[in-house]
C-alpha cells in the first residue's frame, strides 16, 4: 500500500525535521543513531517499527592497508559497536 503524506511543514534538513519531532510537530523517518537517545529518554516514541530504511556503513581504506592489523581491529570494533548499539544493524555485508 502507498499513502501520500502532506502537511504544512517540509524540509530536507534532517536536524530541523528531528527538532520538529521533538517539538511535537509530527513524525519522521530518521536513522536509529539519530534518534535512539531520544527514544531511550522518552522524548520520542517509535511508531511503525517494521518500517525502516537501511543505512550502509563502509570502512574505506587504501588497498595496501588491507592486511593491516590496525585496520582489521578498527573494522572489528565498528562491527561490534554497531551491533551492540543499533538493533537493526546487520552484518550481512561485513
PDB file of N, CA and C in Angstrom:
ATOM      1  N   UNK A   1       0.833  -1.182   0.000  1.00  0.00           N
ATOM      2  CA  UNK A   1       0.000   0.000   0.000  1.00  0.00           C
ATOM      3  C   UNK A   1       0.874   1.241   0.000  1.00  0.00           C
ATOM      4  N   UNK A   2       0.417   2.274  -0.647  1.00  0.00           N
ATOM      5  CA  UNK A   2       1.115   3.558  -0.662  1.00  0.00           C
ATOM      6  C   UNK A   2       0.171   4.630  -0.139  1.00  0.00           C
ATOM      7  N   UNK A   3       0.712   5.471   0.703  1.00  0.00           N
ATOM      8  CA  UNK A   3      -0.061   6.575   1.262  1.00  0.00           C
ATOM      9  C   UNK A   3       0.703   7.851   1.001  1.00  0.00           C
ATOM     10  N   UNK A   4       0.056   8.815   0.413  1.00  0.00           N
ATOM     11  CA  UNK A   4       0.693  10.109   0.184  1.00  0.00           C
ATOM     12  C   UNK A   4       0.480  10.968   1.432  1.00  0.00           C
ATOM     13  N   UNK A   5       1.565  11.474   1.956  1.00  0.00           N
ATOM     14  CA  UNK A   5       1.515  12.283   3.171  1.00  0.00           C
ATOM     15  C   UNK A   5       1.851  13.719   2.811  1.00  0.00           C
ATOM     16  N   UNK A   6       1.017  14.631   3.237  1.00  0.00           N
ATOM     17  CA  UNK A   6       1.274  16.055   3.025  1.00  0.00           C
ATOM     18  C   UNK A   6       1.055  16.785   4.338  1.00  0.00           C
ATOM     19  N   UNK A   7       1.603  17.963   4.433  1.00  0.00           N
ATOM     20  CA  UNK A   7       1.430  18.761   5.638  1.00  0.00           C
ATOM     21  C   UNK A   7       2.016  20.137   5.455  1.00  0.00           C
ATOM     22  N   UNK A   8       1.853  20.990   6.455  1.00  0.00           N
ATOM     23  CA  UNK A   8       2.329  22.369   6.336  1.00  0.00           C
ATOM     24  C   UNK A   8       3.843  22.516   6.494  1.00  0.00           C
ATOM     25  N   UNK A   9       4.516  21.490   7.017  1.00  0.00           N
ATOM     26  CA  UNK A   9       5.962  21.571   7.231  1.00  0.00           C
ATOM     27  C   UNK A   9       6.681  20.641   6.266  1.00  0.00           C
ATOM     28  N   UNK A  10       7.769  21.127   5.707  1.00  0.00           N
ATOM     29  CA  UNK A  10       8.578  20.315   4.802  1.00  0.00           C
ATOM     30  C   UNK A  10      10.011  20.819   4.847  1.00  0.00           C
ATOM     31  N   UNK A  11      10.957  19.885   4.943  1.00  0.00           N
ATOM     32  CA  UNK A  11      12.365  20.266   4.961  1.00  0.00           C
ATOM     33  C   UNK A  11      13.204  19.100   4.473  1.00  0.00           C
ATOM     34  N   UNK A  12      14.327  19.403   3.858  1.00  0.00           N
ATOM     35  CA  UNK A  12      15.284  18.359   3.502  1.00  0.00           C
ATOM     36  C   UNK A  12      16.486  18.397   4.445  1.00  0.00           C
ATOM     37  N   UNK A  13      16.358  19.126   5.547  1.00  0.00           N
ATOM     38  CA  UNK A  13      17.418  19.229   6.559  1.00  0.00           C
ATOM     39  C   UNK A  13      17.030  18.343   7.746  1.00  0.00           C
ATOM     40  N   UNK A  14      17.752  17.243   7.903  1.00  0.00           N
ATOM     41  CA  UNK A  14      17.403  16.251   8.909  1.00  0.00           C
ATOM     42  C   UNK A  14      17.328  16.761  10.327  1.00  0.00           C
ATOM     43  N   UNK A  15      18.227  17.656  10.701  1.00  0.00           N
ATOM     44  CA  UNK A  15      18.215  18.167  12.074  1.00  0.00           C
ATOM     45  C   UNK A  15      16.982  19.025  12.348  1.00  0.00           C
ATOM     46  N   UNK A  16      16.531  19.742  11.349  1.00  0.00           N
ATOM     47  CA  UNK A  16      15.308  20.542  11.513  1.00  0.00           C
ATOM     48  C   UNK A  16      14.115  19.616  11.706  1.00  0.00           C
ATOM     49  N   UNK A  17      14.022  18.581  10.876  1.00  0.00           N
ATOM     50  CA  UNK A  17      12.925  17.622  10.999  1.00  0.00           C
ATOM     51  C   UNK A  17      12.980  16.941  12.367  1.00  0.00           C
ATOM     52  N   UNK A  18      14.166  16.586  12.810  1.00  0.00           N
ATOM     53  CA  UNK A  18      14.353  15.973  14.127  1.00  0.00           C
ATOM     54  C   UNK A  18      13.818  16.901  15.218  1.00  0.00           C
ATOM     55  N   UNK A  19      14.165  18.166  15.147  1.00  0.00           N
ATOM     56  CA  UNK A  19      13.691  19.128  16.145  1.00  0.00           C
ATOM     57  C   UNK A  19      12.176  19.281  16.088  1.00  0.00           C
ATOM     58  N   UNK A  20      11.609  19.309  14.900  1.00  0.00           N
ATOM     59  CA  UNK A  20      10.148  19.390  14.780  1.00  0.00           C
ATOM     60  C   UNK A  20       9.490  18.214  15.497  1.00  0.00           C
ATOM     61  N   UNK A  21      10.062  17.020  15.350  1.00  0.00           N
ATOM     62  CA  UNK A  21       9.510  15.857  16.042  1.00  0.00           C
ATOM     63  C   UNK A  21       9.611  16.028  17.554  1.00  0.00           C
ATOM     64  N   UNK A  22      10.743  16.509  18.029  1.00  0.00           N
ATOM     65  CA  UNK A  22      10.900  16.763  19.463  1.00  0.00           C
ATOM     66  C   UNK A  22       9.905  17.805  19.957  1.00  0.00           C
ATOM     67  N   UNK A  23       9.547  18.735  19.071  1.00  0.00           N
ATOM     68  CA  UNK A  23       8.580  19.781  19.415  1.00  0.00           C
ATOM     69  C   UNK A  23       7.136  19.322  19.258  1.00  0.00           C
ATOM     70  N   UNK A  24       6.937  18.063  18.864  1.00  0.00           N
ATOM     71  CA  UNK A  24       5.587  17.531  18.722  1.00  0.00           C
ATOM     72  C   UNK A  24       4.883  17.921  17.441  1.00  0.00           C
ATOM     73  N   UNK A  25       5.645  18.240  16.406  1.00  0.00           N
ATOM     74  CA  UNK A  25       5.059  18.720  15.153  1.00  0.00           C
ATOM     75  C   UNK A  25       4.740  17.611  14.155  1.00  0.00           C
ATOM     76  N   UNK A  26       5.075  16.366  14.456  1.00  0.00           N
ATOM     77  CA  UNK A  26       4.766  15.303  13.511  1.00  0.00           C
ATOM     78  C   UNK A  26       5.682  14.113  13.674  1.00  0.00           C
ATOM     79  N   UNK A  27       5.735  13.290  12.635  1.00  0.00           N
ATOM     80  CA  UNK A  27       6.571  12.093  12.641  1.00  0.00           C
ATOM     81  C   UNK A  27       7.572  12.177  11.490  1.00  0.00           C
ATOM     82  N   UNK A  28       8.626  11.383  11.585  1.00  0.00           N
ATOM     83  CA  UNK A  28       9.656  11.390  10.541  1.00  0.00           C
ATOM     84  C   UNK A  28      10.334  10.031  10.495  1.00  0.00           C
ATOM     85  N   UNK A  29      10.892   9.710   9.357  1.00  0.00           N
ATOM     86  CA  UNK A  29      11.732   8.530   9.196  1.00  0.00           C
ATOM     87  C   UNK A  29      13.173   8.989   9.366  1.00  0.00           C
ATOM     88  N   UNK A  30      13.787   8.589  10.485  1.00  0.00           N
ATOM     89  CA  UNK A  30      15.148   9.022  10.794  1.00  0.00           C
ATOM     90  C   UNK A  30      16.013   7.804  11.080  1.00  0.00           C
ATOM     91  N   UNK A  31      17.304   7.965  10.943  1.00  0.00           N
ATOM     92  CA  UNK A  31      18.246   6.896  11.268  1.00  0.00           C
ATOM     93  C   UNK A  31      18.189   6.605  12.762  1.00  0.00           C
ATOM     94  N   UNK A  32      18.354   5.319  13.099  1.00  0.00           N
ATOM     95  CA  UNK A  32      18.310   4.927  14.508  1.00  0.00           C
ATOM     96  C   UNK A  32      19.351   5.684  15.322  1.00  0.00           C
ATOM     97  N   UNK A  33      20.554   5.885  14.767  1.00  0.00           N
ATOM     98  CA  UNK A  33      21.588   6.579  15.535  1.00  0.00           C
ATOM     99  C   UNK A  33      21.265   8.050  15.731  1.00  0.00           C
ATOM    100  N   UNK A  34      20.360   8.605  14.936  1.00  0.00           N
ATOM    101  CA  UNK A  34      19.940   9.998  15.133  1.00  0.00           C
ATOM    102  C   UNK A  34      18.931  10.143  16.266  1.00  0.00           C
ATOM    103  N   UNK A  35      18.147   9.096  16.533  1.00  0.00           N
ATOM    104  CA  UNK A  35      17.037   9.243  17.479  1.00  0.00           C
ATOM    105  C   UNK A  35      17.069   8.271  18.653  1.00  0.00           C
ATOM    106  N   UNK A  36      18.003   7.343  18.700  1.00  0.00           N
ATOM    107  CA  UNK A  36      17.982   6.311  19.745  1.00  0.00           C
ATOM    108  C   UNK A  36      18.029   6.892  21.152  1.00  0.00           C
ATOM    109  N   UNK A  37      18.809   7.933  21.363  1.00  0.00           N
ATOM    110  CA  UNK A  37      18.869   8.546  22.694  1.00  0.00           C
ATOM    111  C   UNK A  37      17.542   9.203  23.053  1.00  0.00           C
ATOM    112  N   UNK A  38      16.898   9.844  22.076  1.00  0.00           N
ATOM    113  CA  UNK A  38      15.600  10.469  22.322  1.00  0.00           C
ATOM    114  C   UNK A  38      14.528   9.424  22.613  1.00  0.00           C
ATOM    115  N   UNK A  39      14.597   8.281  21.957  1.00  0.00           N
ATOM    116  CA  UNK A  39      13.647   7.201  22.220  1.00  0.00           C
ATOM    117  C   UNK A  39      13.897   6.622  23.609  1.00  0.00           C
ATOM    118  N   UNK A  40      15.164   6.379  23.945  1.00  0.00           N
ATOM    119  CA  UNK A  40      15.511   5.827  25.260  1.00  0.00           C
ATOM    120  C   UNK A  40      15.084   6.750  26.394  1.00  0.00           C
ATOM    121  N   UNK A  41      15.176   8.063  26.176  1.00  0.00           N
ATOM    122  CA  UNK A  41      14.814   9.025  27.220  1.00  0.00           C
ATOM    123  C   UNK A  41      13.320   9.312  27.264  1.00  0.00           C
ATOM    124  N   UNK A  42      12.577   8.817  26.268  1.00  0.00           N
ATOM    125  CA  UNK A  42      11.138   9.059  26.235  1.00  0.00           C
ATOM    126  C   UNK A  42      10.733  10.335  25.531  1.00  0.00           C
ATOM    127  N   UNK A  43      11.693  11.067  24.974  1.00  0.00           N
ATOM    128  CA  UNK A  43      11.369  12.302  24.257  1.00  0.00           C
ATOM    129  C   UNK A  43      10.729  12.028  22.901  1.00  0.00           C
ATOM    130  N   UNK A  44      11.034  10.859  22.327  1.00  0.00           N
ATOM    131  CA  UNK A  44      10.394  10.422  21.084  1.00  0.00           C
ATOM    132  C   UNK A  44       9.886   9.002  21.286  1.00  0.00           C
ATOM    133  N   UNK A  45       8.889   8.631  20.502  1.00  0.00           N
ATOM    134  CA  UNK A  45       8.320   7.292  20.542  1.00  0.00           C
ATOM    135  C   UNK A  45       8.428   6.696  19.148  1.00  0.00           C
ATOM    136  N   UNK A  46       8.887   5.462  19.077  1.00  0.00           N
ATOM    137  CA  UNK A  46       8.989   4.799  17.777  1.00  0.00           C
ATOM    138  C   UNK A  46       7.608   4.312  17.361  1.00  0.00           C
ATOM    139  N   UNK A  47       7.190   4.706  16.164  1.00  0.00           N
ATOM    140  CA  UNK A  47       5.943   4.208  15.584  1.00  0.00           C
ATOM    141  C   UNK A  47       6.295   3.438  14.316  1.00  0.00           C
ATOM    142  N   UNK A  48       5.495   2.454  13.989  1.00  0.00           N
ATOM    143  CA  UNK A  48       5.724   1.633  12.796  1.00  0.00           C
ATOM    144  C   UNK A  48       7.150   1.068  12.740  1.00  0.00           C
ATOM    145  N   UNK A  49       7.582   0.342  13.776  1.00  0.00           N
ATOM    146  CA  UNK A  49       8.960  -0.162  13.808  1.00  0.00           C
ATOM    147  C   UNK A  49       9.288  -1.126  12.671  1.00  0.00           C
ATOM    148  N   UNK A  50       8.263  -1.695  12.050  1.00  0.00           N
ATOM    149  CA  UNK A  50       8.529  -2.620  10.946  1.00  0.00           C
ATOM    150  C   UNK A  50       8.957  -1.901   9.671  1.00  0.00           C
ATOM    151  N   UNK A  51       8.825  -0.582   9.654  1.00  0.00           N
ATOM    152  CA  UNK A  51       9.255   0.212   8.501  1.00  0.00           C
ATOM    153  C   UNK A  51      10.521   0.975   8.855  1.00  0.00           C
ATOM    154  N   UNK A  52      11.581   0.661   8.183  1.00  0.00           N
ATOM    155  CA  UNK A  52      12.832   1.382   8.398  1.00  0.00           C
ATOM    156  C   UNK A  52      13.618   1.378   7.102  1.00  0.00           C
ATOM    157  N   UNK A  53      14.498   2.330   7.007  1.00  0.00           N
ATOM    158  CA  UNK A  53      15.338   2.444   5.820  1.00  0.00           C
ATOM    159  C   UNK A  53      16.748   2.029   6.206  1.00  0.00           C
ATOM    160  N   UNK A  54      17.268   0.971   5.586  1.00  0.00           N
ATOM    161  CA  UNK A  54      18.616   0.539   5.948  1.00  0.00           C
ATOM    162  C   UNK A  54      19.661   1.579   5.545  1.00  0.00           C
ATOM    163  N   UNK A  55      20.710   1.617   6.322  1.00  0.00           N
ATOM    164  CA  UNK A  55      21.827   2.522   6.020  1.00  0.00           C
ATOM    165  C   UNK A  55      23.111   1.703   6.047  1.00  0.00           C
ATOM    166  N   UNK A  56      23.884   1.811   5.026  1.00  0.00           N
ATOM    167  CA  UNK A  56      25.153   1.091   4.962  1.00  0.00           C
ATOM    168  C   UNK A  56      26.259   1.912   5.611  1.00  0.00           C
ATOM    169  N   UNK A  57      27.138   1.220   6.299  1.00  0.00           N
ATOM    170  CA  UNK A  57      28.323   1.836   6.882  1.00  0.00           C
ATOM    171  C   UNK A  57      29.521   1.126   6.251  1.00  0.00           C
ATOM    172  N   UNK A  58      30.402   1.902   5.677  1.00  0.00           N
ATOM    173  CA  UNK A  58      31.553   1.341   4.978  1.00  0.00           C
ATOM    174  C   UNK A  58      32.853   1.799   5.625  1.00  0.00           C
ATOM    175  N   UNK A  59      33.798   0.890   5.733  1.00  0.00           N
ATOM    176  CA  UNK A  59      35.159   1.240   6.134  1.00  0.00           C
ATOM    177  C   UNK A  59      35.959   1.325   4.837  1.00  0.00           C
ATOM    178  N   UNK A  60      36.449   2.498   4.513  1.00  0.00           N
ATOM    179  CA  UNK A  60      37.170   2.712   3.259  1.00  0.00           C
ATOM    180  C   UNK A  60      38.638   2.969   3.580  1.00  0.00           C
ATOM    181  N   UNK A  61      39.497   2.221   2.927  1.00  0.00           N
ATOM    182  CA  UNK A  61      40.929   2.377   3.144  1.00  0.00           C
ATOM    183  C   UNK A  61      41.654   1.991   1.861  1.00  0.00           C
ATOM    184  N   UNK A  62      42.887   2.430   1.744  1.00  0.00           N
ATOM    185  CA  UNK A  62      43.670   2.117   0.542  1.00  0.00           C
ATOM    186  C   UNK A  62      44.022   0.629   0.545  1.00  0.00           C
ATOM    187  N   UNK A  63      44.146   0.050  -0.624  1.00  0.00           N
ATOM    188  CA  UNK A  63      44.336  -1.399  -0.751  1.00  0.00           C
ATOM    189  C   UNK A  63      45.595  -1.902  -0.047  1.00  0.00           C
ATOM    190  N   UNK A  64      46.619  -1.095   0.028  1.00  0.00           N
ATOM    191  CA  UNK A  64      47.856  -1.569   0.665  1.00  0.00           C
ATOM    192  C   UNK A  64      47.673  -1.802   2.169  1.00  0.00           C
ATOM    193  N   UNK A  65      46.582  -1.261   2.743  1.00  0.00           N
ATOM    194  CA  UNK A  65      46.325  -1.456   4.169  1.00  0.00           C
ATOM    195  C   UNK A  65      45.349  -2.602   4.434  1.00  0.00           C
ATOM    196  N   UNK A  66      44.999  -3.346   3.394  1.00  0.00           N
ATOM    197  CA  UNK A  66      44.012  -4.421   3.530  1.00  0.00           C
ATOM    198  C   UNK A  66      44.427  -5.479   4.552  1.00  0.00           C
ATOM    199  N   UNK A  67      45.716  -5.679   4.737  1.00  0.00           N
ATOM    200  CA  UNK A  67      46.186  -6.681   5.699  1.00  0.00           C
ATOM    201  C   UNK A  67      46.664  -6.048   7.008  1.00  0.00           C
ATOM    202  N   UNK A  68      46.446  -4.772   7.170  1.00  0.00           N
ATOM    203  CA  UNK A  68      46.894  -4.061   8.367  1.00  0.00           C
ATOM    204  C   UNK A  68      46.120  -4.516   9.607  1.00  0.00           C
ATOM    205  N   UNK A  69      46.849  -4.844  10.657  1.00  0.00           N
ATOM    206  CA  UNK A  69      46.212  -5.230  11.918  1.00  0.00           C
ATOM    207  C   UNK A  69      45.400  -4.076  12.490  1.00  0.00           C
ATOM    208  N   UNK A  70      45.895  -2.849  12.345  1.00  0.00           N
ATOM    209  CA  UNK A  70      45.165  -1.684  12.862  1.00  0.00           C
ATOM    210  C   UNK A  70      43.825  -1.521  12.153  1.00  0.00           C
ATOM    211  N   UNK A  71      43.824  -1.692  10.844  1.00  0.00           N
ATOM    212  CA  UNK A  71      42.572  -1.582  10.085  1.00  0.00           C
ATOM    213  C   UNK A  71      41.630  -2.711  10.484  1.00  0.00           C
ATOM    214  N   UNK A  72      42.135  -3.924  10.555  1.00  0.00           N
ATOM    215  CA  UNK A  72      41.310  -5.079  10.914  1.00  0.00           C
ATOM    216  C   UNK A  72      40.680  -4.900  12.296  1.00  0.00           C
ATOM    217  N   UNK A  73      41.455  -4.436  13.268  1.00  0.00           N
ATOM    218  CA  UNK A  73      40.946  -4.230  14.627  1.00  0.00           C
ATOM    219  C   UNK A  73      39.911  -3.110  14.648  1.00  0.00           C
ATOM    220  N   UNK A  74      40.166  -2.046  13.904  1.00  0.00           N
ATOM    221  CA  UNK A  74      39.212  -0.935  13.844  1.00  0.00           C
ATOM    222  C   UNK A  74      37.895  -1.383  13.228  1.00  0.00           C
ATOM    223  N   UNK A  75      37.957  -2.115  12.140  1.00  0.00           N
ATOM    224  CA  UNK A  75      36.739  -2.610  11.487  1.00  0.00           C
ATOM    225  C   UNK A  75      35.981  -3.542  12.428  1.00  0.00           C
ATOM    226  N   UNK A  76      36.668  -4.411  13.121  1.00  0.00           N
ATOM    227  CA  UNK A  76      36.010  -5.313  14.066  1.00  0.00           C
ATOM    228  C   UNK A  76      35.361  -4.529  15.203  1.00  0.00           C
ATOM    229  N   UNK A  77      36.048  -3.508  15.706  1.00  0.00           N
ATOM    230  CA  UNK A  77      35.465  -2.655  16.741  1.00  0.00           C
ATOM    231  C   UNK A  77      34.164  -2.021  16.247  1.00  0.00           C
ATOM    232  N   UNK A  78      34.186  -1.484  15.024  1.00  0.00           N
ATOM    233  CA  UNK A  78      32.990  -0.852  14.464  1.00  0.00           C
ATOM    234  C   UNK A  78      31.851  -1.855  14.308  1.00  0.00           C
ATOM    235  N   UNK A  79      32.153  -3.061  13.858  1.00  0.00           N
ATOM    236  CA  UNK A  79      31.123  -4.102  13.744  1.00  0.00           C
ATOM    237  C   UNK A  79      30.467  -4.363  15.094  1.00  0.00           C
ATOM    238  N   UNK A  80      31.282  -4.551  16.110  1.00  0.00           N
ATOM    239  CA  UNK A  80      30.754  -4.835  17.444  1.00  0.00           C
ATOM    240  C   UNK A  80      29.963  -3.655  17.990  1.00  0.00           C
ATOM    241  N   UNK A  81      30.503  -2.453  17.816  1.00  0.00           N
ATOM    242  CA  UNK A  81      29.837  -1.258  18.332  1.00  0.00           C
ATOM    243  C   UNK A  81      28.445  -1.101  17.727  1.00  0.00           C
ATOM    244  N   UNK A  82      28.360  -1.174  16.400  1.00  0.00           N
ATOM    245  CA  UNK A  82      27.066  -1.001  15.746  1.00  0.00           C
ATOM    246  C   UNK A  82      26.108  -2.132  16.098  1.00  0.00           C
ATOM    247  N   UNK A  83      26.589  -3.360  16.185  1.00  0.00           N
ATOM    248  CA  UNK A  83      25.728  -4.485  16.544  1.00  0.00           C
ATOM    249  C   UNK A  83      25.163  -4.323  17.953  1.00  0.00           C
ATOM    250  N   UNK A  84      25.957  -3.784  18.879  1.00  0.00           N
ATOM    251  CA  UNK A  84      25.510  -3.606  20.262  1.00  0.00           C
ATOM    252  C   UNK A  84      24.588  -2.406  20.437  1.00  0.00           C
ATOM    253  N   UNK A  85      24.828  -1.327  19.702  1.00  0.00           N
ATOM    254  CA  UNK A  85      24.108  -0.077  19.937  1.00  0.00           C
ATOM    255  C   UNK A  85      22.927   0.173  19.006  1.00  0.00           C
ATOM    256  N   UNK A  86      22.853  -0.529  17.901  1.00  0.00           N
ATOM    257  CA  UNK A  86      21.796  -0.273  16.922  1.00  0.00           C
ATOM    258  C   UNK A  86      21.131  -1.586  16.540  1.00  0.00           C
ATOM    259  N   UNK A  87      19.900  -1.797  17.040  1.00  0.00           N
ATOM    260  CA  UNK A  87      19.256  -3.103  16.903  1.00  0.00           C
ATOM    261  C   UNK A  87      19.014  -3.563  15.470  1.00  0.00           C
ATOM    262  N   UNK A  88      18.864  -2.667  14.516  1.00  0.00           N
ATOM    263  CA  UNK A  88      18.608  -3.072  13.134  1.00  0.00           C
ATOM    264  C   UNK A  88      19.880  -3.206  12.307  1.00  0.00           C
ATOM    265  N   UNK A  89      21.037  -3.053  12.942  1.00  0.00           N
ATOM    266  CA  UNK A  89      22.304  -3.160  12.218  1.00  0.00           C
ATOM    267  C   UNK A  89      22.510  -4.605  11.780  1.00  0.00           C
ATOM    268  N   UNK A  90      22.906  -4.783  10.548  1.00  0.00           N
ATOM    269  CA  UNK A  90      23.121  -6.117  10.002  1.00  0.00           C
ATOM    270  C   UNK A  90      24.571  -6.271   9.567  1.00  0.00           C
ATOM    271  N   UNK A  91      25.133  -7.416   9.836  1.00  0.00           N
ATOM    272  CA  UNK A  91      26.494  -7.717   9.399  1.00  0.00           C
ATOM    273  C   UNK A  91      26.476  -8.471   8.078  1.00  0.00           C
ATOM    274  N   UNK A  92      25.386  -8.384   7.362  1.00  0.00           N
ATOM    275  CA  UNK A  92      25.184  -9.131   6.129  1.00  0.00           C
ATOM    276  C   UNK A  92      26.290  -8.911   5.110  1.00  0.00           C
ATOM    277  N   UNK A  93      26.819  -7.686   4.996  1.00  0.00           N
ATOM    278  CA  UNK A  93      27.859  -7.401   4.008  1.00  0.00           C
ATOM    279  C   UNK A  93      29.231  -7.257   4.648  1.00  0.00           C
ATOM    280  N   UNK A  94      29.341  -7.574   5.911  1.00  0.00           N
ATOM    281  CA  UNK A  94      30.595  -7.363   6.629  1.00  0.00           C
ATOM    282  C   UNK A  94      31.631  -8.377   6.222  1.00  0.00           C
TER     283      UNK A  94
END
